[in-house]
């Protein structure tokens, strides 16, 4: 795809684009527009395009704040979700066809918390218990492997996108057919629950603007955070959402897993960080049969994690690592925080008393969190039945936790 320039730095457009915590706009269509939402620390900015992947769609993210920028990139095998700007020092997902919503199945599905399918109300319960495998600082382990597997299997039993009710020819944005929106939200909240974060709901106004956004992307077969008025099916509502959303060339449910794997975004991992942002929600979810937008900017959530790791502490389904076409081991494990400066972090991972070599990279600030690092396994992959002990030193406070990989049959 053609090179897209943000300032003086060329960025390759791809299936996914993350939000940048910059105030200047890049001179290309793959950039986020200005964010008019006031964040902590006065965050506001534009997003830039991300890298590409061979086998998938494209996704872009929304605006980020001055704290940094959300990471962008492309997603293969269906496109990645993009990362959006950062609320108060964060930034994150910018488009690309994957990870979609989350939350317990609205009408009472899986155990634990979750947003209502499409109404935006947040379900009760679902918080991760304290205790369990040791984890210092942020998330705590504690939920049993059986409970984790029950929730994982239940929330992923129905992955239907639903039937879009709109029409490109008449520029009718329609709506995401049931149970598409509910399933996307359910996935978002599944990942947040696993990470010890509160569930988010949807907002009807954001859902509608995200729906208008998806229509515009599909009608023009392009992704842009700043779509011109000359676009087919242009609307102010859709254009406004484009600058505050993760946008992807895949339907909304499929986009969620891609956001969480976040391939093509080695320097930001912004899509994942946005979904795991403490203050995410309520969000807006809109989808056609081929494109989707997830409104993530301007959250008012109340997550209280001091730090958030992915994969998270405690039991983790082995299928989480390969839920998208790119594995979490290949794109990288991550730790993000608003308050702990991870810039000098040193990480060791051991399993069965043996060191498992990794590389550590400091991620760009503002993509869903102020601080973040990526930890990439070298020559090994996560296996069911193994427990990986993570120790992060060189920071204050240090972080220690265990990731217990389990087979959820």
Protein backbone atom coordinates (compact mmCIF):
# COMPACT_ATOMS: atom_id res chain seq x y z
CA UNK A 1 0.00 0.00 0.00
CA UNK A 2 1.23 3.56 -0.52
CA UNK A 3 3.35 5.20 2.12
CA UNK A 4 1.58 7.62 4.41
CA UNK A 5 3.50 10.43 6.05
CA UNK A 6 3.01 11.68 9.57
CA UNK A 7 5.15 14.74 9.96
CA UNK A 8 8.50 13.68 8.57
CA UNK A 9 8.14 10.02 9.45
CA UNK A 10 6.88 7.72 6.70
CA UNK A 11 4.40 5.16 7.94
CA UNK A 12 3.09 2.29 5.88
CA UNK A 13 -0.66 2.09 5.80
CA UNK A 14 -1.97 -1.31 6.70
CA UNK A 15 -4.87 -3.19 8.01
CA UNK A 16 -4.66 -1.31 11.21
CA UNK A 17 -3.74 2.16 12.29
CA UNK A 18 -3.23 3.34 15.83
CA UNK A 19 -4.08 6.64 17.35
CA UNK A 20 -1.18 8.94 17.89
CA UNK A 21 -0.92 11.26 20.81
CA UNK A 22 0.02 14.09 18.55
CA UNK A 23 -1.71 17.38 17.96
CA UNK A 24 -0.54 17.74 14.38
CA UNK A 25 -2.31 15.88 11.61
CA UNK A 26 -0.47 13.69 9.18
CA UNK A 27 -0.66 14.59 5.54
CA UNK A 28 -2.53 11.50 4.45
CA UNK A 29 -5.95 9.96 4.66
CA UNK A 30 -4.90 7.25 7.07
CA UNK A 31 -4.63 9.61 9.99
CA UNK A 32 -6.93 10.29 12.85
CA UNK A 33 -8.65 13.60 13.09
CA UNK A 34 -8.40 15.88 16.07
CA UNK A 35 -9.84 14.56 19.27
CA UNK A 36 -12.27 17.01 20.80
CA UNK A 37 -12.62 15.08 24.02
CA UNK A 38 -10.87 16.38 27.10
CA UNK A 39 -8.72 13.71 28.69
CA UNK A 40 -6.65 13.70 31.79
CA UNK A 41 -3.42 15.57 31.20
CA UNK A 42 -5.12 17.34 28.33
CA UNK A 43 -4.67 14.52 25.87
CA UNK A 44 -5.73 15.19 22.32
CA UNK A 45 -4.24 14.46 18.97
CA UNK A 46 -4.21 12.65 15.69
CA UNK A 47 -3.53 9.12 14.67
CA UNK A 48 -1.14 7.68 12.17
CA UNK A 49 -1.18 4.68 9.94
CA UNK A 50 0.32 1.37 10.90
CA UNK A 51 2.16 -1.47 9.24
CA UNK A 52 0.65 -4.08 7.00
CA UNK A 53 0.02 -7.75 6.97
CA UNK A 54 -0.46 -9.96 3.98
CA UNK A 55 -3.64 -11.84 4.65
CA UNK A 56 -6.11 -9.50 6.20
CA UNK A 57 -8.08 -6.33 6.14
CA UNK A 58 -7.14 -2.93 7.35
CA UNK A 59 -7.96 -1.01 10.44
CA UNK A 60 -7.30 2.39 11.82
CA UNK A 61 -7.74 3.94 15.20
CA UNK A 62 -9.02 7.17 16.60
CA UNK A 63 -7.29 10.18 18.04
CA UNK A 64 -4.89 10.05 20.90
CA UNK A 65 -3.89 12.52 23.52
CA UNK A 66 -0.77 14.41 24.14
CA UNK A 67 0.40 11.67 26.40
CA UNK A 68 1.40 9.58 23.47
CA UNK A 69 -0.13 7.81 20.59
CA UNK A 70 -2.03 4.64 20.11
CA UNK A 71 -0.27 2.05 18.08
CA UNK A 72 -1.42 1.29 14.63
CA UNK A 73 -0.66 -1.48 12.22
CA UNK A 74 -2.18 -3.91 9.86
CA UNK A 75 -3.93 -7.07 10.55
CA UNK A 76 -3.80 -9.98 8.22
CA UNK A 77 -6.33 -12.66 7.87
CA UNK A 78 -9.17 -10.28 8.07
CA UNK A 79 -7.75 -7.01 9.17
CA UNK A 80 -6.84 -5.51 12.47
CA UNK A 81 -8.60 -3.18 14.69
CA UNK A 82 -7.12 0.22 15.07
CA UNK A 83 -6.14 1.90 18.22
CA UNK A 84 -7.64 5.04 19.49
CA UNK A 85 -6.34 7.98 21.34
CA UNK A 86 -5.43 7.78 24.94
CA UNK A 87 -7.54 9.02 27.75
CA UNK A 88 -5.25 10.63 30.20
CA UNK A 89 -1.94 9.25 29.18
CA UNK A 90 -3.08 6.32 27.20
CA UNK A 91 -3.67 5.69 23.57
CA UNK A 92 -4.40 2.56 21.77
CA UNK A 93 -6.07 0.42 19.20
CA UNK A 94 -6.27 1.83 15.77
CA UNK A 95 -8.14 0.03 13.18
CA UNK A 96 -7.66 -3.36 11.73
CA UNK A 97 -10.06 -6.15 11.44
CA UNK A 98 -10.11 -7.94 14.69
CA UNK A 99 -11.10 -7.88 18.24
CA UNK A 100 -14.56 -6.70 18.73
CA UNK A 101 -16.77 -6.28 21.72
CA UNK A 102 -16.83 -8.18 24.92
CA UNK A 103 -18.90 -8.52 27.99
CA UNK A 104 -21.06 -11.21 29.35
CA UNK A 105 -23.72 -12.20 26.90
CA UNK A 106 -26.29 -9.53 27.56
CA UNK A 107 -29.21 -11.61 28.60
CA UNK A 108 -27.39 -13.51 31.24
CA UNK A 109 -24.84 -15.66 29.46
CA UNK A 110 -21.48 -16.48 30.84
CA UNK A 111 -20.39 -16.08 34.44
CA UNK A 112 -18.86 -12.81 35.41
CA UNK A 113 -19.44 -9.30 34.22
CA UNK A 114 -20.28 -8.12 30.79
CA UNK A 115 -22.04 -5.41 28.96
CA UNK A 116 -25.57 -5.84 27.84
CA UNK A 117 -25.72 -7.03 24.26
CA UNK A 118 -26.60 -3.85 22.50
CA UNK A 119 -28.17 -1.56 25.01
CA UNK A 120 -24.96 -0.37 26.56
CA UNK A 121 -25.87 -1.29 30.12
CA UNK A 122 -23.16 -3.01 32.03
CA UNK A 123 -23.77 -6.40 33.51
CA UNK A 124 -23.03 -7.15 37.10
CA UNK A 125 -20.35 -9.40 38.44
CA UNK A 126 -17.37 -10.68 36.54
CA UNK A 127 -14.64 -9.02 38.51
CA UNK A 128 -11.54 -11.05 39.07
CA UNK A 129 -11.04 -12.18 42.62
CA UNK A 130 -8.03 -11.23 44.60
CA UNK A 131 -5.50 -13.75 45.71
CA UNK A 132 -4.52 -16.82 43.74
CA UNK A 133 -1.29 -16.76 41.83
CA UNK A 134 1.01 -14.05 43.13
CA UNK A 135 0.85 -10.77 41.31
CA UNK A 136 2.23 -7.58 42.76
CA UNK A 137 0.78 -4.19 42.03
CA UNK A 138 -1.93 -4.46 39.42
CA UNK A 139 -4.07 -7.41 38.40
CA UNK A 140 -4.56 -10.26 40.75
CA UNK A 141 -4.99 -13.90 39.93
CA UNK A 142 -7.54 -15.85 41.91
CA UNK A 143 -10.30 -16.99 39.58
CA UNK A 144 -10.09 -20.76 39.17
CA UNK A 145 -9.04 -22.39 35.93
CA UNK A 146 -12.47 -24.02 35.74
CA UNK A 147 -14.22 -20.64 36.00
CA UNK A 148 -11.87 -19.08 33.45
CA UNK A 149 -12.52 -21.91 30.98
CA UNK A 150 -16.28 -21.80 31.56
CA UNK A 151 -16.37 -18.08 30.79
CA UNK A 152 -14.04 -18.40 27.79
CA UNK A 153 -16.02 -21.23 26.21
CA UNK A 154 -19.41 -19.67 26.94
CA UNK A 155 -18.57 -16.19 25.64
CA UNK A 156 -17.09 -17.59 22.44
CA UNK A 157 -19.78 -20.14 21.70
CA UNK A 158 -21.68 -17.75 19.42
CA UNK A 159 -19.40 -15.65 17.20
CA UNK A 160 -22.09 -14.64 14.71
CA UNK A 161 -21.79 -11.20 13.13
CA UNK A 162 -25.55 -10.98 12.53
CA UNK A 163 -27.08 -9.65 9.30
CA UNK A 164 -26.46 -6.00 8.45
CA UNK A 165 -29.73 -4.20 7.70
CA UNK A 166 -28.27 -1.30 5.69
CA UNK A 167 -27.66 -0.72 1.99
CA UNK A 168 -24.67 0.78 0.22
CA UNK A 169 -26.62 1.86 -2.83
CA UNK A 170 -28.99 4.06 -0.85
CA UNK A 171 -26.36 5.06 1.75
CA UNK A 172 -28.47 3.53 4.49
CA UNK A 173 -26.24 2.74 7.47
CA UNK A 174 -28.85 0.41 8.89
CA UNK A 175 -27.80 -1.44 12.00
CA UNK A 176 -25.65 -4.31 13.10
CA UNK A 177 -28.01 -7.26 13.13
CA UNK A 178 -28.46 -9.22 16.33
CA UNK A 179 -26.48 -10.76 17.83
CA UNK A 180 -23.52 -9.01 16.15
CA UNK A 181 -23.16 -6.04 18.47
CA UNK A 182 -23.80 -8.14 21.56
CA UNK A 183 -21.18 -10.67 20.48
CA UNK A 184 -18.57 -8.00 19.79
CA UNK A 185 -19.19 -6.37 23.15
CA UNK A 186 -19.09 -9.76 24.81
CA UNK A 187 -15.59 -10.39 23.46
CA UNK A 188 -14.33 -6.99 24.56
CA UNK A 189 -15.58 -7.67 28.06
CA UNK A 190 -14.22 -11.21 28.07
CA UNK A 191 -10.72 -9.88 27.53
CA UNK A 192 -11.25 -7.15 30.13
CA UNK A 193 -12.58 -9.66 32.67
CA UNK A 194 -9.58 -11.92 32.15
CA UNK A 195 -7.38 -8.88 32.78
CA UNK A 196 -9.12 -7.86 36.00
CA UNK A 197 -10.88 -4.85 34.46
CA UNK A 198 -14.47 -3.74 34.76
CA UNK A 199 -16.94 -4.48 31.98
CA UNK A 200 -17.97 -1.73 29.57
CA UNK A 201 -21.29 -1.12 27.89
CA UNK A 202 -22.32 0.59 24.69
CA UNK A 203 -23.87 4.00 24.13
CA UNK A 204 -26.71 4.26 21.62
CA UNK A 205 -25.46 7.56 20.16
CA UNK A 206 -21.94 6.17 19.77
CA UNK A 207 -23.36 2.99 18.26
CA UNK A 208 -25.17 5.06 15.63
CA UNK A 209 -22.16 7.20 14.75
CA UNK A 210 -20.00 4.06 14.59
CA UNK A 211 -22.60 2.55 12.26
CA UNK A 212 -22.41 5.63 10.03
CA UNK A 213 -18.63 5.32 10.12
CA UNK A 214 -18.73 1.68 9.02
CA UNK A 215 -21.08 2.56 6.15
CA UNK A 216 -18.66 5.22 4.86
CA UNK A 217 -15.68 2.86 5.00
CA UNK A 218 -17.57 0.09 3.23
CA UNK A 219 -19.05 2.41 0.57
CA UNK A 220 -15.60 3.70 -0.35
CA UNK A 221 -13.71 0.47 0.32
CA UNK A 222 -11.15 2.52 2.22
CA UNK A 223 -10.23 3.33 5.78
CA UNK A 224 -9.67 6.88 6.95
CA UNK A 225 -9.89 8.74 10.23
CA UNK A 226 -10.44 11.97 8.32
CA UNK A 227 -12.75 11.04 5.44
CA UNK A 228 -13.33 13.91 2.98
CA UNK A 229 -16.79 15.28 2.29
CA UNK A 230 -16.44 13.97 -1.26
CA UNK A 231 -16.69 10.41 -0.04
CA UNK A 232 -19.68 8.34 -1.08
CA UNK A 233 -22.22 8.13 1.76
CA UNK A 234 -20.37 10.86 3.67
CA UNK A 235 -22.00 12.07 6.89
CA UNK A 236 -20.79 14.33 9.65
CA UNK A 237 -21.75 11.68 12.16
CA UNK A 238 -19.69 8.99 10.48
CA UNK A 239 -16.72 11.29 9.94
CA UNK A 240 -16.77 12.33 13.58
CA UNK A 241 -16.74 8.72 14.71
CA UNK A 242 -13.94 7.84 12.29
CA UNK A 243 -11.59 10.14 14.20
CA UNK A 244 -12.43 8.51 17.52
CA UNK A 245 -12.69 4.87 16.58
CA UNK A 246 -10.85 1.72 15.77
CA UNK A 247 -11.82 0.97 12.19
CA UNK A 248 -11.35 -2.24 10.30
CA UNK A 249 -11.97 -3.99 7.02
CA UNK A 250 -13.72 -6.83 8.80
CA UNK A 251 -17.04 -7.07 10.64
CA UNK A 252 -17.10 -6.12 14.30
CA UNK A 253 -16.96 -9.50 16.03
CA UNK A 254 -13.99 -10.73 14.03
CA UNK A 255 -12.16 -7.49 14.71
CA UNK A 256 -11.84 -8.02 18.47
CA UNK A 257 -9.42 -10.96 18.47
CA UNK A 258 -7.27 -9.15 15.92
CA UNK A 259 -7.11 -6.07 18.11
CA UNK A 260 -5.90 -8.21 20.98
CA UNK A 261 -3.23 -9.99 18.93
CA UNK A 262 -2.33 -6.64 17.34
CA UNK A 263 0.03 -7.79 14.54
CA UNK A 264 1.89 -5.14 12.62
CA UNK A 265 2.15 -2.74 15.55
CA UNK A 266 5.45 -3.67 17.11
CA UNK A 267 6.17 -0.17 18.42
CA UNK A 268 2.77 0.54 19.96
CA UNK A 269 0.52 -2.51 20.46
CA UNK A 270 -2.10 0.20 20.59
CA UNK A 271 -5.22 -1.76 19.73
CA UNK A 272 -4.76 -4.12 22.63
CA UNK A 273 -3.82 -1.35 25.03
CA UNK A 274 -6.98 0.56 24.19
CA UNK A 275 -9.25 -2.35 24.91
CA UNK A 276 -7.42 -2.85 28.21
CA UNK A 277 -7.51 0.83 29.13
CA UNK A 278 -8.71 1.55 32.67
CA UNK A 279 -11.06 4.29 31.54
CA UNK A 280 -12.53 2.66 28.45
CA UNK A 281 -16.31 2.83 27.99
CA UNK A 282 -18.99 3.27 27.14
CA UNK A 283 -18.01 2.37 23.59
CA UNK A 284 -19.83 2.47 20.27
CA UNK A 285 -19.97 -0.51 17.92
CA UNK A 286 -20.99 -0.28 14.28
CA UNK A 287 -20.56 -2.84 11.51
CA UNK A 288 -21.58 -3.65 7.96
CA UNK A 289 -21.01 -7.06 6.44
CA UNK A 290 -17.41 -6.14 5.67
CA UNK A 291 -16.27 -3.07 7.66
CA UNK A 292 -16.55 -2.01 11.29
CA UNK A 293 -15.86 0.90 13.63
CA UNK A 294 -15.37 0.77 17.40
CA UNK A 295 -15.73 4.15 19.11
CA UNK A 296 -13.19 4.14 21.95
CA UNK A 297 -12.23 7.77 22.53
CA UNK A 298 -13.68 9.71 25.43
CA UNK A 299 -14.19 6.93 27.95
CA UNK A 300 -15.34 7.45 31.51
CA UNK A 301 -14.63 3.99 32.90
CA UNK A 302 -13.35 3.35 36.39
CA UNK A 303 -10.85 0.51 36.05
CA UNK A 304 -8.41 0.56 38.94
CA UNK A 305 -5.47 -1.55 37.77
CA UNK A 306 -2.09 -0.09 38.67
CA UNK A 307 -0.75 -2.18 35.84
CA UNK A 308 -2.33 -4.54 33.34
CA UNK A 309 -0.55 -7.48 31.74
CA UNK A 310 -1.57 -9.49 28.70
CA UNK A 311 -1.65 -12.43 28.85
CA UNK A 312 -2.87 -11.75 32.36
CA UNK A 313 -1.82 -13.32 35.67
CA UNK A 314 -3.54 -16.55 36.68
CA UNK A 315 -5.10 -19.24 34.51
CA UNK A 316 -5.12 -18.31 30.80
CA UNK A 317 -6.80 -20.38 28.06
CA UNK A 318 -4.20 -21.68 25.62
CA UNK A 319 -6.52 -20.72 22.77
CA UNK A 320 -6.17 -17.06 23.75
CA UNK A 321 -2.66 -17.12 22.30
CA UNK A 322 -3.91 -18.14 18.85
CA UNK A 323 -7.40 -16.62 18.69
CA UNK A 324 -6.32 -14.48 15.70
CA UNK A 325 -4.20 -15.41 12.69
CA UNK A 326 -1.12 -14.00 14.45
CA UNK A 327 -0.28 -15.45 17.85
CA UNK A 328 0.19 -13.42 21.00
CA UNK A 329 3.62 -15.04 21.39
CA UNK A 330 4.65 -13.69 17.97
CA UNK A 331 3.31 -10.16 18.46
CA UNK A 332 4.32 -9.98 22.10
CA UNK A 333 3.12 -10.08 25.67
CA UNK A 334 2.52 -6.61 27.10
CA UNK A 335 2.40 -4.73 30.38
CA UNK A 336 0.84 -1.27 30.52
CA UNK A 337 0.41 1.32 33.26
CA UNK A 338 -0.58 4.93 33.81
CA UNK A 339 1.65 5.41 36.85
CA UNK A 340 4.61 3.02 36.69
CA UNK A 341 7.33 4.17 34.32
CA UNK A 342 8.33 1.00 32.48
CA UNK A 343 11.06 2.62 30.42
CA UNK A 344 13.91 0.88 32.27
CA UNK A 345 12.11 -2.42 32.82
CA UNK A 346 14.09 -5.64 32.66
CA UNK A 347 12.07 -8.83 32.30
CA UNK A 348 12.81 -12.46 32.97
CA UNK A 349 10.40 -15.33 32.34
CA UNK A 350 11.02 -18.75 33.79
CA UNK A 351 9.13 -22.03 33.43
CA UNK A 352 9.90 -25.14 35.42
CA UNK A 353 13.01 -23.47 36.78
CA UNK A 354 14.34 -22.81 33.29
CA UNK A 355 14.87 -19.38 31.80
CA UNK A 356 12.76 -18.62 28.74
CA UNK A 357 14.56 -15.98 26.66
CA UNK A 358 12.68 -12.84 25.69
CA UNK A 359 13.30 -9.44 24.19
CA UNK A 360 11.83 -6.32 25.79
CA UNK A 361 10.78 -3.19 23.91
CA UNK A 362 9.47 0.08 25.32
CA UNK A 363 6.27 0.98 23.49
CA UNK A 364 5.26 4.46 22.43
CA UNK A 365 3.36 6.43 25.02
CA UNK A 366 -0.27 7.35 24.62
CA UNK A 367 -1.68 4.30 22.91
CA UNK A 368 -4.17 3.30 25.56
CA UNK A 369 -1.69 3.88 28.36
CA UNK A 370 1.06 6.26 29.31
CA UNK A 371 3.65 3.53 29.79
CA UNK A 372 3.94 0.09 28.19
CA UNK A 373 6.42 -2.59 27.21
CA UNK A 374 6.26 -5.54 24.84
CA UNK A 375 7.83 -8.84 25.88
CA UNK A 376 8.51 -11.16 22.96
CA UNK A 377 9.36 -14.85 23.44
CA UNK A 378 12.47 -15.99 21.61
CA UNK A 379 12.47 -19.59 20.40
CA UNK A 380 9.55 -20.82 22.51
CA UNK A 381 5.77 -20.66 22.58
CA UNK A 382 3.27 -20.86 25.41
CA UNK A 383 2.08 -24.40 26.12
CA UNK A 384 -0.91 -25.73 28.02
CA UNK A 385 0.03 -27.22 31.37
CA UNK A 386 2.94 -24.84 31.83
CA UNK A 387 3.23 -21.95 34.29
CA UNK A 388 5.36 -18.99 33.25
CA UNK A 389 6.71 -16.79 36.04
CA UNK A 390 7.28 -13.18 35.01
CA UNK A 391 9.59 -10.89 37.00
CA UNK A 392 9.97 -7.23 36.07
CA UNK A 393 12.86 -5.39 37.70
CA UNK A 394 14.53 -2.03 37.17
CA UNK A 395 11.27 -0.22 37.99
CA UNK A 396 9.55 0.86 41.17
CA UNK A 397 7.62 -0.99 42.32
CA UNK A 398 8.73 -4.22 40.69
CA UNK A 399 6.14 -6.54 39.16
CA UNK A 400 5.88 -10.30 39.61
CA UNK A 401 3.15 -12.64 38.41
CA UNK A 402 2.50 -16.13 37.05
CA UNK A 403 0.73 -17.01 33.81
CA UNK A 404 -0.79 -20.50 34.09
CA UNK A 405 -1.67 -21.73 30.60
CA UNK A 406 -4.61 -24.12 30.63
CA UNK A 407 -6.39 -26.19 28.00
CA UNK A 408 -10.08 -25.31 28.06
CA UNK A 409 -11.76 -28.33 26.51
